Amino acid sequence: MLANPGECRVHARRCAEWASKTKNPELRRKLSDLARTWNQLATQLDESHALLEQIDQGHNQLVPS
């Protein structure tokens, strides 16, 4: 099963929320970095899913019914 970009964005929002609430500057930076990483992963997964869909559609056009 492919990873879910929506779940990655939920994790990103949680990390960003935690980062905004902490008073520890190092923890805030690490949580902000982690939120950014989760968002990047979500974007990459969106792109990968789109590419896989295009490949699947192309394959379906090549295979006789």
PDB file of N, CA and C in Angstrom:
ATOM      1  N   MET A   1       0.840  -1.184   0.000  1.00  0.00           N
ATOM      2  CA  MET A   1       0.000   0.000   0.000  1.00  0.00           C
ATOM      3  C   MET A   1       0.885   1.248   0.000  1.00  0.00           C
ATOM      4  N   LEU A   2       0.493   2.215  -0.792  1.00  0.00           N
ATOM      5  CA  LEU A   2       1.254   3.449  -0.872  1.00  0.00           C
ATOM      6  C   LEU A   2       0.992   4.326   0.344  1.00  0.00           C
ATOM      7  N   ALA A   3       1.987   5.101   0.697  1.00  0.00           N
ATOM      8  CA  ALA A   3       1.847   6.038   1.818  1.00  0.00           C
ATOM      9  C   ALA A   3       0.818   7.104   1.461  1.00  0.00           C
ATOM     10  N   ASN A   4       0.218   7.668   2.472  1.00  0.00           N
ATOM     11  CA  ASN A   4      -0.858   8.629   2.288  1.00  0.00           C
ATOM     12  C   ASN A   4      -0.341  10.055   2.515  1.00  0.00           C
ATOM     13  N   PRO A   5      -0.357  10.897   1.472  1.00  0.00           N
ATOM     14  CA  PRO A   5       0.099  12.274   1.624  1.00  0.00           C
ATOM     15  C   PRO A   5      -0.699  13.049   2.665  1.00  0.00           C
ATOM     16  N   GLY A   6      -1.986  12.750   2.783  1.00  0.00           N
ATOM     17  CA  GLY A   6      -2.815  13.430   3.769  1.00  0.00           C
ATOM     18  C   GLY A   6      -2.348  13.157   5.192  1.00  0.00           C
ATOM     19  N   GLU A   7      -1.962  11.917   5.459  1.00  0.00           N
ATOM     20  CA  GLU A   7      -1.453  11.576   6.783  1.00  0.00           C
ATOM     21  C   GLU A   7      -0.148  12.321   7.062  1.00  0.00           C
ATOM     22  N   CYS A   8       0.676  12.456   6.048  1.00  0.00           N
ATOM     23  CA  CYS A   8       1.934  13.203   6.208  1.00  0.00           C
ATOM     24  C   CYS A   8       1.646  14.651   6.572  1.00  0.00           C
ATOM     25  N   ARG A   9       0.632  15.225   5.948  1.00  0.00           N
ATOM     26  CA  ARG A   9       0.282  16.618   6.246  1.00  0.00           C
ATOM     27  C   ARG A   9      -0.277  16.768   7.668  1.00  0.00           C
ATOM     28  N   VAL A  10      -0.984  15.743   8.141  1.00  0.00           N
ATOM     29  CA  VAL A  10      -1.469  15.769   9.523  1.00  0.00           C
ATOM     30  C   VAL A  10      -0.273  15.783  10.477  1.00  0.00           C
ATOM     31  N   HIS A  11       0.711  14.927  10.210  1.00  0.00           N
ATOM     32  CA  HIS A  11       1.918  14.909  11.049  1.00  0.00           C
ATOM     33  C   HIS A  11       2.630  16.259  10.995  1.00  0.00           C
ATOM     34  N   ALA A  12       2.676  16.850   9.818  1.00  0.00           N
ATOM     35  CA  ALA A  12       3.329  18.156   9.662  1.00  0.00           C
ATOM     36  C   ALA A  12       2.629  19.214  10.509  1.00  0.00           C
ATOM     37  N   ARG A  13       1.292  19.212  10.464  1.00  0.00           N
ATOM     38  CA  ARG A  13       0.537  20.195  11.262  1.00  0.00           C
ATOM     39  C   ARG A  13       0.769  19.993  12.751  1.00  0.00           C
ATOM     40  N   ARG A  14       0.816  18.746  13.185  1.00  0.00           N
ATOM     41  CA  ARG A  14       1.066  18.478  14.611  1.00  0.00           C
ATOM     42  C   ARG A  14       2.442  18.990  15.025  1.00  0.00           C
ATOM     43  N   CYS A  15       3.440  18.700  14.212  1.00  0.00           N
ATOM     44  CA  CYS A  15       4.793  19.167  14.534  1.00  0.00           C
ATOM     45  C   CYS A  15       4.846  20.689  14.575  1.00  0.00           C
ATOM     46  N   ALA A  16       4.205  21.331  13.618  1.00  0.00           N
ATOM     47  CA  ALA A  16       4.193  22.794  13.581  1.00  0.00           C
ATOM     48  C   ALA A  16       3.473  23.354  14.809  1.00  0.00           C
ATOM     49  N   GLU A  17       2.384  22.705  15.212  1.00  0.00           N
ATOM     50  CA  GLU A  17       1.658  23.152  16.396  1.00  0.00           C
ATOM     51  C   GLU A  17       2.528  23.010  17.647  1.00  0.00           C
ATOM     52  N   TRP A  18       3.179  21.859  17.784  1.00  0.00           N
ATOM     53  CA  TRP A  18       4.056  21.646  18.930  1.00  0.00           C
ATOM     54  C   TRP A  18       5.193  22.662  18.934  1.00  0.00           C
ATOM     55  N   ALA A  19       5.734  22.932  17.747  1.00  0.00           N
ATOM     56  CA  ALA A  19       6.837  23.898  17.639  1.00  0.00           C
ATOM     57  C   ALA A  19       6.383  25.277  18.108  1.00  0.00           C
ATOM     58  N   SER A  20       5.155  25.640  17.769  1.00  0.00           N
ATOM     59  CA  SER A  20       4.668  26.970  18.153  1.00  0.00           C
ATOM     60  C   SER A  20       4.406  27.083  19.654  1.00  0.00           C
ATOM     61  N   LYS A  21       4.254  25.953  20.321  1.00  0.00           N
ATOM     62  CA  LYS A  21       3.920  25.971  21.750  1.00  0.00           C
ATOM     63  C   LYS A  21       5.127  25.807  22.665  1.00  0.00           C
ATOM     64  N   THR A  22       6.232  25.297  22.129  1.00  0.00           N
ATOM     65  CA  THR A  22       7.374  25.049  22.999  1.00  0.00           C
ATOM     66  C   THR A  22       8.182  26.318  23.236  1.00  0.00           C
ATOM     67  N   LYS A  23       8.752  26.396  24.410  1.00  0.00           N
ATOM     68  CA  LYS A  23       9.611  27.536  24.735  1.00  0.00           C
ATOM     69  C   LYS A  23      11.082  27.206  24.490  1.00  0.00           C
ATOM     70  N   ASN A  24      11.360  25.944  24.232  1.00  0.00           N
ATOM     71  CA  ASN A  24      12.728  25.491  24.001  1.00  0.00           C
ATOM     72  C   ASN A  24      13.117  25.775  22.542  1.00  0.00           C
ATOM     73  N   PRO A  25      14.076  26.679  22.300  1.00  0.00           N
ATOM     74  CA  PRO A  25      14.431  27.062  20.924  1.00  0.00           C
ATOM     75  C   PRO A  25      14.954  25.889  20.090  1.00  0.00           C
ATOM     76  N   GLU A  26      15.724  25.008  20.689  1.00  0.00           N
ATOM     77  CA  GLU A  26      16.267  23.868  19.937  1.00  0.00           C
ATOM     78  C   GLU A  26      15.146  22.908  19.547  1.00  0.00           C
ATOM     79  N   LEU A  27      14.247  22.639  20.469  1.00  0.00           N
ATOM     80  CA  LEU A  27      13.114  21.760  20.170  1.00  0.00           C
ATOM     81  C   LEU A  27      12.205  22.397  19.121  1.00  0.00           C
ATOM     82  N   ARG A  28      11.998  23.713  19.225  1.00  0.00           N
ATOM     83  CA  ARG A  28      11.184  24.428  18.234  1.00  0.00           C
ATOM     84  C   ARG A  28      11.785  24.276  16.842  1.00  0.00           C
ATOM     85  N   ARG A  29      13.103  24.444  16.747  1.00  0.00           N
ATOM     86  CA  ARG A  29      13.772  24.306  15.449  1.00  0.00           C
ATOM     87  C   ARG A  29      13.631  22.890  14.909  1.00  0.00           C
ATOM     88  N   LYS A  30      13.836  21.914  15.773  1.00  0.00           N
ATOM     89  CA  LYS A  30      13.755  20.518  15.324  1.00  0.00           C
ATOM     90  C   LYS A  30      12.333  20.156  14.896  1.00  0.00           C
ATOM     91  N   LEU A  31      11.346  20.613  15.648  1.00  0.00           N
ATOM     92  CA  LEU A  31       9.963  20.333  15.268  1.00  0.00           C
ATOM     93  C   LEU A  31       9.575  21.054  13.980  1.00  0.00           C
ATOM     94  N   SER A  32      10.056  22.260  13.799  1.00  0.00           N
ATOM     95  CA  SER A  32       9.796  22.996  12.554  1.00  0.00           C
ATOM     96  C   SER A  32      10.444  22.292  11.374  1.00  0.00           C
ATOM     97  N   ASP A  33      11.664  21.811  11.572  1.00  0.00           N
ATOM     98  CA  ASP A  33      12.341  21.044  10.516  1.00  0.00           C
ATOM     99  C   ASP A  33      11.564  19.773  10.190  1.00  0.00           C
ATOM    100  N   LEU A  34      11.081  19.115  11.228  1.00  0.00           N
ATOM    101  CA  LEU A  34      10.321  17.887  11.027  1.00  0.00           C
ATOM    102  C   LEU A  34       9.011  18.170  10.288  1.00  0.00           C
ATOM    103  N   ALA A  35       8.350  19.259  10.634  1.00  0.00           N
ATOM    104  CA  ALA A  35       7.119  19.642   9.923  1.00  0.00           C
ATOM    105  C   ALA A  35       7.411  19.886   8.445  1.00  0.00           C
ATOM    106  N   ARG A  36       8.505  20.577   8.170  1.00  0.00           N
ATOM    107  CA  ARG A  36       8.904  20.834   6.786  1.00  0.00           C
ATOM    108  C   ARG A  36       9.177  19.519   6.050  1.00  0.00           C
ATOM    109  N   THR A  37       9.829  18.593   6.720  1.00  0.00           N
ATOM    110  CA  THR A  37      10.138  17.295   6.114  1.00  0.00           C
ATOM    111  C   THR A  37       8.860  16.515   5.812  1.00  0.00           C
ATOM    112  N   TRP A  38       7.901  16.518   6.748  1.00  0.00           N
ATOM    113  CA  TRP A  38       6.627  15.842   6.513  1.00  0.00           C
ATOM    114  C   TRP A  38       5.911  16.445   5.301  1.00  0.00           C
ATOM    115  N   ASN A  39       5.929  17.778   5.192  1.00  0.00           N
ATOM    116  CA  ASN A  39       5.285  18.429   4.046  1.00  0.00           C
ATOM    117  C   ASN A  39       5.988  18.091   2.733  1.00  0.00           C
ATOM    118  N   GLN A  40       7.302  18.035   2.772  1.00  0.00           N
ATOM    119  CA  GLN A  40       8.050  17.653   1.570  1.00  0.00           C
ATOM    120  C   GLN A  40       7.712  16.223   1.159  1.00  0.00           C
ATOM    121  N   LEU A  41       7.621  15.337   2.144  1.00  0.00           N
ATOM    122  CA  LEU A  41       7.259  13.953   1.848  1.00  0.00           C
ATOM    123  C   LEU A  41       5.864  13.887   1.227  1.00  0.00           C
ATOM    124  N   ALA A  42       4.934  14.652   1.766  1.00  0.00           N
ATOM    125  CA  ALA A  42       3.577  14.668   1.210  1.00  0.00           C
ATOM    126  C   ALA A  42       3.592  15.119  -0.247  1.00  0.00           C
ATOM    127  N   THR A  43       4.360  16.138  -0.552  1.00  0.00           N
ATOM    128  CA  THR A  43       4.464  16.633  -1.933  1.00  0.00           C
ATOM    129  C   THR A  43       5.079  15.571  -2.839  1.00  0.00           C
ATOM    130  N   GLN A  44       6.128  14.935  -2.365  1.00  0.00           N
ATOM    131  CA  GLN A  44       6.775  13.878  -3.155  1.00  0.00           C
ATOM    132  C   GLN A  44       5.828  12.710  -3.395  1.00  0.00           C
ATOM    133  N   LEU A  45       5.052  12.369  -2.386  1.00  0.00           N
ATOM    134  CA  LEU A  45       4.088  11.279  -2.552  1.00  0.00           C
ATOM    135  C   LEU A  45       2.996  11.660  -3.547  1.00  0.00           C
ATOM    136  N   ASP A  46       2.519  12.898  -3.485  1.00  0.00           N
ATOM    137  CA  ASP A  46       1.537  13.359  -4.474  1.00  0.00           C
ATOM    138  C   ASP A  46       2.091  13.209  -5.883  1.00  0.00           C
ATOM    139  N   GLU A  47       3.326  13.635  -6.074  1.00  0.00           N
ATOM    140  CA  GLU A  47       3.958  13.548  -7.388  1.00  0.00           C
ATOM    141  C   GLU A  47       4.150  12.095  -7.809  1.00  0.00           C
ATOM    142  N   SER A  48       4.548  11.254  -6.884  1.00  0.00           N
ATOM    143  CA  SER A  48       4.751   9.838  -7.192  1.00  0.00           C
ATOM    144  C   SER A  48       3.439   9.156  -7.552  1.00  0.00           C
ATOM    145  N   HIS A  49       2.389   9.456  -6.801  1.00  0.00           N
ATOM    146  CA  HIS A  49       1.085   8.876  -7.095  1.00  0.00           C
ATOM    147  C   HIS A  49       0.607   9.305  -8.482  1.00  0.00           C
ATOM    148  N   ALA A  50       0.811  10.572  -8.810  1.00  0.00           N
ATOM    149  CA  ALA A  50       0.404  11.067 -10.127  1.00  0.00           C
ATOM    150  C   ALA A  50       1.181  10.368 -11.234  1.00  0.00           C
ATOM    151  N   LEU A  51       2.472  10.184 -11.028  1.00  0.00           N
ATOM    152  CA  LEU A  51       3.297   9.503 -12.018  1.00  0.00           C
ATOM    153  C   LEU A  51       2.869   8.051 -12.177  1.00  0.00           C
ATOM    154  N   LEU A  52       2.615   7.373 -11.081  1.00  0.00           N
ATOM    155  CA  LEU A  52       2.167   5.981 -11.147  1.00  0.00           C
ATOM    156  C   LEU A  52       0.829   5.868 -11.869  1.00  0.00           C
ATOM    157  N   GLU A  53      -0.038   6.840 -11.649  1.00  0.00           N
ATOM    158  CA  GLU A  53      -1.322   6.837 -12.342  1.00  0.00           C
ATOM    159  C   GLU A  53      -1.133   7.018 -13.842  1.00  0.00           C
ATOM    160  N   GLN A  54      -0.233   7.916 -14.232  1.00  0.00           N
ATOM    161  CA  GLN A  54       0.049   8.114 -15.659  1.00  0.00           C
ATOM    162  C   GLN A  54       0.632   6.846 -16.274  1.00  0.00           C
ATOM    163  N   ILE A  55       1.534   6.202 -15.561  1.00  0.00           N
ATOM    164  CA  ILE A  55       2.141   4.967 -16.061  1.00  0.00           C
ATOM    165  C   ILE A  55       1.075   3.894 -16.210  1.00  0.00           C
ATOM    166  N   ASP A  56       0.203   3.791 -15.209  1.00  0.00           N
ATOM    167  CA  ASP A  56      -0.861   2.793 -15.258  1.00  0.00           C
ATOM    168  C   ASP A  56      -1.799   3.058 -16.423  1.00  0.00           C
ATOM    169  N   GLN A  57      -2.148   4.321 -16.659  1.00  0.00           N
ATOM    170  CA  GLN A  57      -3.027   4.662 -17.775  1.00  0.00           C
ATOM    171  C   GLN A  57      -2.362   4.336 -19.101  1.00  0.00           C
ATOM    172  N   GLY A  58      -1.077   4.645 -19.208  1.00  0.00           N
ATOM    173  CA  GLY A  58      -0.337   4.315 -20.430  1.00  0.00           C
ATOM    174  C   GLY A  58      -0.258   2.825 -20.661  1.00  0.00           C
ATOM    175  N   HIS A  59      -0.056   2.065 -19.582  1.00  0.00           N
ATOM    176  CA  HIS A  59       0.010   0.612 -19.686  1.00  0.00           C
ATOM    177  C   HIS A  59      -1.326   0.050 -20.131  1.00  0.00           C
ATOM    178  N   ASN A  60      -2.420   0.592 -19.584  1.00  0.00           N
ATOM    179  CA  ASN A  60      -3.750   0.128 -19.939  1.00  0.00           C
ATOM    180  C   ASN A  60      -4.066   0.404 -21.404  1.00  0.00           C
ATOM    181  N   GLN A  61      -3.484   1.464 -21.964  1.00  0.00           N
ATOM    182  CA  GLN A  61      -3.715   1.775 -23.372  1.00  0.00           C
ATOM    183  C   GLN A  61      -2.949   0.813 -24.273  1.00  0.00           C
ATOM    184  N   LEU A  62      -1.849   0.270 -23.781  1.00  0.00           N
ATOM    185  CA  LEU A  62      -1.030  -0.629 -24.575  1.00  0.00           C
ATOM    186  C   LEU A  62      -1.512  -2.071 -24.524  1.00  0.00           C
ATOM    187  N   VAL A  63      -2.182  -2.439 -23.457  1.00  0.00           N
ATOM    188  CA  VAL A  63      -2.633  -3.818 -23.277  1.00  0.00           C
ATOM    189  C   VAL A  63      -4.014  -3.976 -23.891  1.00  0.00           C
ATOM    190  N   PRO A  64      -4.154  -4.960 -24.822  1.00  0.00           N
ATOM    191  CA  PRO A  64      -5.466  -5.169 -25.445  1.00  0.00           C
ATOM    192  C   PRO A  64      -6.485  -5.649 -24.412  1.00  0.00           C
ATOM    193  N   SER A  65      -7.732  -5.243 -24.604  1.00  0.00           N
ATOM    194  CA  SER A  65      -8.811  -5.633 -23.672  1.00  0.00           C
ATOM    195  C   SER A  65      -9.269  -7.037 -23.924  1.00  0.00           C
TER     196      SER A  65
END
